PDB file of N, CA and C in Angstrom:
ATOM      1  N   UNK A   1      12.332  88.583  77.557  1.00  0.00           N
ATOM      2  CA  UNK A   1      10.984  88.272  77.119  1.00  0.00           C
ATOM      3  C   UNK A   1      10.296  88.915  75.955  1.00  0.00           C
ATOM      4  N   UNK A   2       9.373  88.829  75.070  1.00  0.00           N
ATOM      5  CA  UNK A   2       8.879  89.458  74.081  1.00  0.00           C
ATOM      6  C   UNK A   2       8.054  90.176  75.243  1.00  0.00           C
ATOM      7  N   UNK A   3       7.590  91.320  74.885  1.00  0.00           N
ATOM      8  CA  UNK A   3       6.823  92.693  75.607  1.00  0.00           C
ATOM      9  C   UNK A   3       4.813  91.726  75.326  1.00  0.00           C
ATOM     10  N   UNK A   4       4.955  91.157  74.061  1.00  0.00           N
ATOM     11  CA  UNK A   4       3.659  90.754  73.933  1.00  0.00           C
ATOM     12  C   UNK A   4       3.017  89.295  74.594  1.00  0.00           C
ATOM     13  N   UNK A   5       4.145  88.493  74.952  1.00  0.00           N
ATOM     14  CA  UNK A   5       3.729  87.582  75.663  1.00  0.00           C
ATOM     15  C   UNK A   5       3.664  88.027  77.126  1.00  0.00           C
ATOM     16  N   UNK A   6       2.252  87.458  77.679  1.00  0.00           N
ATOM     17  CA  UNK A   6       2.053  88.455  79.347  1.00  0.00           C
ATOM     18  C   UNK A   6       2.316  87.082  80.293  1.00  0.00           C
ATOM     19  N   UNK A   7       2.397  87.126  81.518  1.00  0.00           N
ATOM     20  CA  UNK A   7       2.528  86.012  81.757  1.00  0.00           C
ATOM     21  C   UNK A   7       0.944  85.551  82.407  1.00  0.00           C
ATOM     22  N   UNK A   8       0.562  84.208  82.321  1.00  0.00           N
ATOM     23  CA  UNK A   8      -0.625  83.489  82.500  1.00  0.00           C
ATOM     24  C   UNK A   8      -0.930  82.834  83.453  1.00  0.00           C
ATOM     25  N   UNK A   9       0.123  82.637  84.278  1.00  0.00           N
ATOM     26  CA  UNK A   9      -0.145  81.622  85.530  1.00  0.00           C
ATOM     27  C   UNK A   9      -0.725  82.411  87.049  1.00  0.00           C
ATOM     28  N   UNK A  10      -1.472  81.752  87.734  1.00  0.00           N
ATOM     29  CA  UNK A  10      -1.977  82.501  88.957  1.00  0.00           C
ATOM     30  C   UNK A  10      -2.974  83.335  88.764  1.00  0.00           C
ATOM     31  N   UNK A  11      -3.878  83.176  87.640  1.00  0.00           N
ATOM     32  CA  UNK A  11      -4.981  84.611  87.283  1.00  0.00           C
ATOM     33  C   UNK A  11      -6.204  83.862  87.787  1.00  0.00           C
ATOM     34  N   UNK A  12      -6.810  84.429  88.491  1.00  0.00           N
ATOM     35  CA  UNK A  12      -8.735  83.950  88.633  1.00  0.00           C
ATOM     36  C   UNK A  12      -9.049  85.011  87.519  1.00  0.00           C
ATOM     37  N   UNK A  13     -10.144  84.537  86.489  1.00  0.00           N
ATOM     38  CA  UNK A  13     -10.072  83.026  86.163  1.00  0.00           C
ATOM     39  C   UNK A  13      -8.559  82.690  85.379  1.00  0.00           C
ATOM     40  N   UNK A  14      -8.560  81.349  85.328  1.00  0.00           N
ATOM     41  CA  UNK A  14      -7.628  80.879  84.601  1.00  0.00           C
ATOM     42  C   UNK A  14      -7.556  81.311  83.445  1.00  0.00           C
ATOM     43  N   UNK A  15      -6.250  81.492  82.609  1.00  0.00           N
ATOM     44  CA  UNK A  15      -5.667  81.833  81.497  1.00  0.00           C
ATOM     45  C   UNK A  15      -6.881  80.904  80.376  1.00  0.00           C
ATOM     46  N   UNK A  16      -7.368  81.608  79.489  1.00  0.00           N
ATOM     47  CA  UNK A  16      -8.238  80.918  78.499  1.00  0.00           C
ATOM     48  C   UNK A  16      -7.364  80.426  77.571  1.00  0.00           C
ATOM     49  N   UNK A  17      -7.775  79.446  76.696  1.00  0.00           N
ATOM     50  CA  UNK A  17      -7.403  78.352  75.491  1.00  0.00           C
ATOM     51  C   UNK A  17      -6.721  79.799  74.901  1.00  0.00           C
ATOM     52  N   UNK A  18      -7.439  80.688  74.298  1.00  0.00           N
ATOM     53  CA  UNK A  18      -7.568  81.630  73.337  1.00  0.00           C
ATOM     54  C   UNK A  18      -6.120  82.591  73.992  1.00  0.00           C
ATOM     55  N   UNK A  19      -5.956  82.520  75.540  1.00  0.00           N
ATOM     56  CA  UNK A  19      -4.593  83.819  75.746  1.00  0.00           C
ATOM     57  C   UNK A  19      -3.380  82.583  75.180  1.00  0.00           C
ATOM     58  N   UNK A  20      -3.218  80.910  75.792  1.00  0.00           N
ATOM     59  CA  UNK A  20      -2.551  80.247  75.512  1.00  0.00           C
ATOM     60  C   UNK A  20      -2.066  80.120  74.182  1.00  0.00           C
ATOM     61  N   UNK A  21      -2.988  79.856  73.485  1.00  0.00           N
ATOM     62  CA  UNK A  21      -2.598  80.325  71.746  1.00  0.00           C
ATOM     63  C   UNK A  21      -1.986  81.617  71.630  1.00  0.00           C
ATOM     64  N   UNK A  22      -2.523  82.584  71.767  1.00  0.00           N
ATOM     65  CA  UNK A  22      -1.875  84.093  71.075  1.00  0.00           C
ATOM     66  C   UNK A  22      -0.229  83.979  72.082  1.00  0.00           C
ATOM     67  N   UNK A  23      -0.285  83.600  72.912  1.00  0.00           N
ATOM     68  CA  UNK A  23       0.950  83.698  73.465  1.00  0.00           C
ATOM     69  C   UNK A  23       2.120  82.735  72.704  1.00  0.00           C
ATOM     70  N   UNK A  24       1.281  81.304  72.269  1.00  0.00           N
ATOM     71  CA  UNK A  24       2.138  80.198  71.681  1.00  0.00           C
ATOM     72  C   UNK A  24       2.708  81.306  70.449  1.00  0.00           C
ATOM     73  N   UNK A  25       1.657  81.490  69.611  1.00  0.00           N
ATOM     74  CA  UNK A  25       1.772  82.450  68.177  1.00  0.00           C
ATOM     75  C   UNK A  25       2.695  83.491  68.382  1.00  0.00           C
ATOM     76  N   UNK A  26       2.820  84.148  69.287  1.00  0.00           N
ATOM     77  CA  UNK A  26       3.793  85.286  69.307  1.00  0.00           C
ATOM     78  C   UNK A  26       5.224  84.811  69.708  1.00  0.00           C
ATOM     79  N   UNK A  27       5.247  83.498  70.581  1.00  0.00           N
ATOM     80  CA  UNK A  27       6.667  82.673  70.877  1.00  0.00           C
ATOM     81  C   UNK A  27       6.975  82.579  69.135  1.00  0.00           C
ATOM     82  N   UNK A  28       6.381  81.792  68.973  1.00  0.00           N
ATOM     83  CA  UNK A  28       6.605  81.056  67.331  1.00  0.00           C
ATOM     84  C   UNK A  28       6.934  82.093  66.561  1.00  0.00           C
ATOM     85  N   UNK A  29       6.197  82.964  66.153  1.00  0.00           N
ATOM     86  CA  UNK A  29       6.561  84.503  65.689  1.00  0.00           C
ATOM     87  C   UNK A  29       7.964  85.131  66.083  1.00  0.00           C
ATOM     88  N   UNK A  30       8.348  85.257  67.109  1.00  0.00           N
ATOM     89  CA  UNK A  30       9.772  85.605  67.668  1.00  0.00           C
ATOM     90  C   UNK A  30      10.746  84.536  66.850  1.00  0.00           C
ATOM     91  N   UNK A  31      10.478  83.664  67.748  1.00  0.00           N
ATOM     92  CA  UNK A  31      12.098  82.880  67.176  1.00  0.00           C
ATOM     93  C   UNK A  31      12.209  82.576  65.803  1.00  0.00           C
ATOM     94  N   UNK A  32      10.930  82.360  65.134  1.00  0.00           N
ATOM     95  CA  UNK A  32      11.058  82.342  63.750  1.00  0.00           C
ATOM     96  C   UNK A  32      11.281  83.489  62.579  1.00  0.00           C
ATOM     97  N   UNK A  33      11.486  84.477  63.630  1.00  0.00           N
ATOM     98  CA  UNK A  33      11.517  85.926  62.648  1.00  0.00           C
ATOM     99  C   UNK A  33      10.433  86.208  61.784  1.00  0.00           C
ATOM    100  N   UNK A  34       9.406  85.601  61.500  1.00  0.00           N
ATOM    101  CA  UNK A  34       8.343  85.948  60.893  1.00  0.00           C
ATOM    102  C   UNK A  34       7.125  86.227  61.406  1.00  0.00           C
ATOM    103  N   UNK A  35       6.439  86.983  61.024  1.00  0.00           N
ATOM    104  CA  UNK A  35       4.944  86.954  61.629  1.00  0.00           C
ATOM    105  C   UNK A  35       3.953  86.388  60.649  1.00  0.00           C
ATOM    106  N   UNK A  36       4.373  85.998  59.345  1.00  0.00           N
ATOM    107  CA  UNK A  36       3.243  85.140  58.376  1.00  0.00           C
ATOM    108  C   UNK A  36       4.459  84.343  57.404  1.00  0.00           C
ATOM    109  N   UNK A  37       4.301  83.065  57.920  1.00  0.00           N
ATOM    110  CA  UNK A  37       5.532  82.004  57.198  1.00  0.00           C
ATOM    111  C   UNK A  37       4.830  81.716  55.423  1.00  0.00           C
ATOM    112  N   UNK A  38       5.897  81.614  54.942  1.00  0.00           N
ATOM    113  CA  UNK A  38       5.667  81.137  53.473  1.00  0.00           C
ATOM    114  C   UNK A  38       4.958  79.861  53.264  1.00  0.00           C
ATOM    115  N   UNK A  39       4.123  79.410  52.166  1.00  0.00           N
ATOM    116  CA  UNK A  39       3.339  78.266  52.255  1.00  0.00           C
ATOM    117  C   UNK A  39       4.150  76.927  52.163  1.00  0.00           C
ATOM    118  N   UNK A  40       5.549  76.935  52.217  1.00  0.00           N
ATOM    119  CA  UNK A  40       6.195  75.698  52.243  1.00  0.00           C
ATOM    120  C   UNK A  40       6.900  75.823  53.853  1.00  0.00           C
ATOM    121  N   UNK A  41       6.505  76.720  54.509  1.00  0.00           N
ATOM    122  CA  UNK A  41       6.576  76.341  56.027  1.00  0.00           C
ATOM    123  C   UNK A  41       5.800  76.329  56.859  1.00  0.00           C
ATOM    124  N   UNK A  42       4.170  76.614  56.160  1.00  0.00           N
ATOM    125  CA  UNK A  42       3.004  76.969  56.957  1.00  0.00           C
ATOM    126  C   UNK A  42       2.707  75.953  57.747  1.00  0.00           C
ATOM    127  N   UNK A  43       2.881  74.720  57.555  1.00  0.00           N
ATOM    128  CA  UNK A  43       2.713  73.306  58.122  1.00  0.00           C
ATOM    129  C   UNK A  43       3.251  73.329  59.194  1.00  0.00           C
ATOM    130  N   UNK A  44       5.085  73.750  58.934  1.00  0.00           N
ATOM    131  CA  UNK A  44       5.820  73.530  60.475  1.00  0.00           C
ATOM    132  C   UNK A  44       5.297  74.429  61.177  1.00  0.00           C
ATOM    133  N   UNK A  45       5.140  75.681  61.060  1.00  0.00           N
ATOM    134  CA  UNK A  45       4.461  77.228  61.643  1.00  0.00           C
ATOM    135  C   UNK A  45       3.766  76.387  62.473  1.00  0.00           C
ATOM    136  N   UNK A  46       2.335  76.187  62.007  1.00  0.00           N
ATOM    137  CA  UNK A  46       1.322  75.817  62.572  1.00  0.00           C
ATOM    138  C   UNK A  46       1.641  74.704  63.455  1.00  0.00           C
ATOM    139  N   UNK A  47       2.204  73.807  63.434  1.00  0.00           N
ATOM    140  CA  UNK A  47       2.155  72.746  63.981  1.00  0.00           C
ATOM    141  C   UNK A  47       3.178  73.317  65.589  1.00  0.00           C
ATOM    142  N   UNK A  48       4.165  73.789  65.349  1.00  0.00           N
ATOM    143  CA  UNK A  48       4.834  74.688  66.183  1.00  0.00           C
ATOM    144  C   UNK A  48       4.039  75.147  67.400  1.00  0.00           C
ATOM    145  N   UNK A  49       3.277  76.070  66.425  1.00  0.00           N
ATOM    146  CA  UNK A  49       2.158  76.829  67.633  1.00  0.00           C
ATOM    147  C   UNK A  49       1.463  75.684  68.499  1.00  0.00           C
ATOM    148  N   UNK A  50       0.851  74.709  67.598  1.00  0.00           N
ATOM    149  CA  UNK A  50       0.176  73.749  68.422  1.00  0.00           C
ATOM    150  C   UNK A  50       1.082  73.080  69.481  1.00  0.00           C
ATOM    151  N   UNK A  51       2.061  72.956  68.914  1.00  0.00           N
ATOM    152  CA  UNK A  51       3.082  72.164  70.474  1.00  0.00           C
ATOM    153  C   UNK A  51       3.315  73.265  71.525  1.00  0.00           C
ATOM    154  N   UNK A  52       3.553  73.987  71.066  1.00  0.00           N
ATOM    155  CA  UNK A  52       3.998  75.256  72.221  1.00  0.00           C
ATOM    156  C   UNK A  52       2.840  75.481  72.923  1.00  0.00           C
ATOM    157  N   UNK A  53       1.875  75.463  72.367  1.00  0.00           N
ATOM    158  CA  UNK A  53       0.664  75.785  73.146  1.00  0.00           C
ATOM    159  C   UNK A  53       0.073  74.897  74.026  1.00  0.00           C
ATOM    160  N   UNK A  54       0.217  73.599  73.471  1.00  0.00           N
ATOM    161  CA  UNK A  54       0.070  72.331  74.297  1.00  0.00           C
ATOM    162  C   UNK A  54       0.838  72.221  75.558  1.00  0.00           C
ATOM    163  N   UNK A  55       2.224  72.187  75.344  1.00  0.00           N
ATOM    164  CA  UNK A  55       3.369  72.271  76.181  1.00  0.00           C
ATOM    165  C   UNK A  55       3.182  73.517  77.358  1.00  0.00           C
ATOM    166  N   UNK A  56       2.829  74.420  77.034  1.00  0.00           N
ATOM    167  CA  UNK A  56       2.068  75.756  77.843  1.00  0.00           C
ATOM    168  C   UNK A  56       1.074  75.614  78.879  1.00  0.00           C
ATOM    169  N   UNK A  57      -0.053  75.189  77.777  1.00  0.00           N
ATOM    170  CA  UNK A  57      -1.111  74.231  78.963  1.00  0.00           C
ATOM    171  C   UNK A  57      -0.520  73.170  80.070  1.00  0.00           C
ATOM    172  N   UNK A  58       0.179  72.271  79.418  1.00  0.00           N
ATOM    173  CA  UNK A  58       0.406  71.251  80.926  1.00  0.00           C
ATOM    174  C   UNK A  58       1.207  72.511  81.697  1.00  0.00           C
ATOM    175  N   UNK A  59       2.135  72.697  81.103  1.00  0.00           N
ATOM    176  CA  UNK A  59       2.716  74.033  82.290  1.00  0.00           C
ATOM    177  C   UNK A  59       2.097  74.733  83.570  1.00  0.00           C
ATOM    178  N   UNK A  60       1.236  75.395  82.561  1.00  0.00           N
ATOM    179  CA  UNK A  60      -0.062  76.055  83.690  1.00  0.00           C
ATOM    180  C   UNK A  60      -0.841  75.378  84.517  1.00  0.00           C
ATOM    181  N   UNK A  61      -1.261  74.016  84.227  1.00  0.00           N
ATOM    182  CA  UNK A  61      -1.893  73.038  84.744  1.00  0.00           C
ATOM    183  C   UNK A  61      -0.742  72.489  86.175  1.00  0.00           C
ATOM    184  N   UNK A  62       0.528  72.266  85.822  1.00  0.00           N
ATOM    185  CA  UNK A  62       1.183  71.805  86.749  1.00  0.00           C
ATOM    186  C   UNK A  62       1.575  72.633  87.675  1.00  0.00           C
ATOM    187  N   UNK A  63       1.579  74.154  87.539  1.00  0.00           N
ATOM    188  CA  UNK A  63       2.424  74.959  88.571  1.00  0.00           C
ATOM    189  C   UNK A  63       1.474  75.311  89.688  1.00  0.00           C
ATOM    190  N   UNK A  64       2.719  75.026  90.797  1.00  0.00           N
ATOM    191  CA  UNK A  64       1.829  75.191  92.394  1.00  0.00           C
ATOM    192  C   UNK A  64       2.234  76.737  93.043  1.00  0.00           C
ATOM    193  N   UNK A  65       1.527  77.119  93.540  1.00  0.00           N
ATOM    194  CA  UNK A  65       1.707  78.352  94.143  1.00  0.00           C
ATOM    195  C   UNK A  65       1.393  78.556  95.459  1.00  0.00           C
ATOM    196  N   UNK A  66       1.863  79.284  96.674  1.00  0.00           N
ATOM    197  CA  UNK A  66       0.792  79.729  97.456  1.00  0.00           C
ATOM    198  C   UNK A  66       0.310  81.021  97.316  1.00  0.00           C
ATOM    199  N   UNK A  67       0.574  81.824  96.670  1.00  0.00           N
ATOM    200  CA  UNK A  67       0.637  82.991  96.288  1.00  0.00           C
ATOM    201  C   UNK A  67      -1.276  83.154  96.072  1.00  0.00           C
ATOM    202  N   UNK A  68      -2.047  84.211  96.475  1.00  0.00           N
ATOM    203  CA  UNK A  68      -3.170  84.458  96.040  1.00  0.00           C
ATOM    204  C   UNK A  68      -3.646  84.650  94.833  1.00  0.00           C
ATOM    205  N   UNK A  69      -4.334  84.679  93.746  1.00  0.00           N
ATOM    206  CA  UNK A  69      -4.807  84.500  92.647  1.00  0.00           C
ATOM    207  C   UNK A  69      -4.615  85.939  92.344  1.00  0.00           C
ATOM    208  N   UNK A  70      -3.951  86.347  90.900  1.00  0.00           N
ATOM    209  CA  UNK A  70      -3.717  87.669  90.734  1.00  0.00           C
ATOM    210  C   UNK A  70      -5.503  87.885  89.921  1.00  0.00           C
ATOM    211  N   UNK A  71      -5.530  89.646  90.448  1.00  0.00           N
ATOM    212  CA  UNK A  71      -7.074  90.049  89.507  1.00  0.00           C
ATOM    213  C   UNK A  71      -6.588  90.649  88.232  1.00  0.00           C
ATOM    214  N   UNK A  72      -6.877  90.297  86.728  1.00  0.00           N
ATOM    215  CA  UNK A  72      -6.800  90.510  85.754  1.00  0.00           C
ATOM    216  C   UNK A  72      -6.937  92.284  85.547  1.00  0.00           C
ATOM    217  N   UNK A  73      -8.014  92.381  86.366  1.00  0.00           N
ATOM    218  CA  UNK A  73      -8.351  94.174  85.914  1.00  0.00           C
ATOM    219  C   UNK A  73      -7.203  94.876  87.087  1.00  0.00           C
ATOM    220  N   UNK A  74      -6.986  94.540  87.900  1.00  0.00           N
ATOM    221  CA  UNK A  74      -5.705  95.204  88.687  1.00  0.00           C
ATOM    222  C   UNK A  74      -4.275  94.859  87.996  1.00  0.00           C
ATOM    223  N   UNK A  75      -4.084  93.957  87.362  1.00  0.00           N
ATOM    224  CA  UNK A  75      -2.704  93.614  86.708  1.00  0.00           C
ATOM    225  C   UNK A  75      -2.810  94.809  85.429  1.00  0.00           C
ATOM    226  N   UNK A  76      -3.799  94.900  84.693  1.00  0.00           N
ATOM    227  CA  UNK A  76      -4.068  95.451  83.630  1.00  0.00           C
ATOM    228  C   UNK A  76      -3.276  97.230  84.119  1.00  0.00           C
ATOM    229  N   UNK A  77      -4.196  97.472  84.989  1.00  0.00           N
ATOM    230  CA  UNK A  77      -4.065  98.968  85.378  1.00  0.00           C
ATOM    231  C   UNK A  77      -2.701  99.040  86.141  1.00  0.00           C
ATOM    232  N   UNK A  78      -1.852  98.583  86.605  1.00  0.00           N
ATOM    233  CA  UNK A  78      -0.723  98.104  87.007  1.00  0.00           C
ATOM    234  C   UNK A  78       0.182  98.397  85.707  1.00  0.00           C
ATOM    235  N   UNK A  79      -0.083  97.656  84.866  1.00  0.00           N
ATOM    236  CA  UNK A  79       0.865  97.832  83.315  1.00  0.00           C
ATOM    237  C   UNK A  79       0.560  99.153  82.385  1.00  0.00           C
ATOM    238  N   UNK A  80      -0.651  99.755  82.891  1.00  0.00           N
ATOM    239  CA  UNK A  80      -1.331 101.088  81.862  1.00  0.00           C
ATOM    240  C   UNK A  80      -0.229 102.056  82.924  1.00  0.00           C
ATOM    241  N   UNK A  81      -0.200 101.888  84.142  1.00  0.00           N
ATOM    242  CA  UNK A  81       0.468 103.043  85.164  1.00  0.00           C
ATOM    243  C   UNK A  81       2.023 103.142  84.772  1.00  0.00           C
ATOM    244  N   UNK A  82       2.357 101.656  84.464  1.00  0.00           N
ATOM    245  CA  UNK A  82       4.073 101.414  84.351  1.00  0.00           C
ATOM    246  C   UNK A  82       4.240 102.296  83.132  1.00  0.00           C
ATOM    247  N   UNK A  83       3.595 101.772  81.852  1.00  0.00           N
ATOM    248  CA  UNK A  83       3.438 102.419  80.620  1.00  0.00           C
ATOM    249  C   UNK A  83       3.442 103.871  80.543  1.00  0.00           C
ATOM    250  N   UNK A  84       2.424 104.573  81.663  1.00  0.00           N
ATOM    251  CA  UNK A  84       2.588 106.042  81.519  1.00  0.00           C
ATOM    252  C   UNK A  84       3.889 106.379  82.203  1.00  0.00           C
ATOM    253  N   UNK A  85       4.470 105.960  82.785  1.00  0.00           N
ATOM    254  CA  UNK A  85       5.700 106.767  83.508  1.00  0.00           C
ATOM    255  C   UNK A  85       6.811 106.038  82.637  1.00  0.00           C
ATOM    256  N   UNK A  86       6.622 105.298  82.234  1.00  0.00           N
ATOM    257  CA  UNK A  86       7.805 104.905  80.752  1.00  0.00           C
ATOM    258  C   UNK A  86       7.623 105.806  79.840  1.00  0.00           C
ATOM    259  N   UNK A  87       6.459 105.899  79.147  1.00  0.00           N
ATOM    260  CA  UNK A  87       6.193 106.870  78.104  1.00  0.00           C
ATOM    261  C   UNK A  87       5.952 108.281  78.265  1.00  0.00           C
ATOM    262  N   UNK A  88       5.591 108.578  79.539  1.00  0.00           N
ATOM    263  CA  UNK A  88       5.278 110.027  79.727  1.00  0.00           C
ATOM    264  C   UNK A  88       4.098 110.323  79.297  1.00  0.00           C
ATOM    265  N   UNK A  89       2.915 109.653  79.364  1.00  0.00           N
ATOM    266  CA  UNK A  89       2.084 109.990  78.466  1.00  0.00           C
ATOM    267  C   UNK A  89       0.536 109.922  80.024  1.00  0.00           C
TER     268      UNK A  89
END
């Protein structure tokens, strides 16, 4: 998985539209191999981002879990701790 795309399911509060849009943009950038499409490809690129975001929102809305919702601050602290161990900072 692309490191910039973070899990968005089972958080309280739920993922925002901006978070879903950012994840969709990162996904489309990754599979297209470009961060900024040419003018000729801009419409297809933007349409793909919108479609991935819509599919992601439907998926997140449909997922069911019995696990308690995760706290964003706690998950961020865990990520910082993993990074410190990985990079020795």
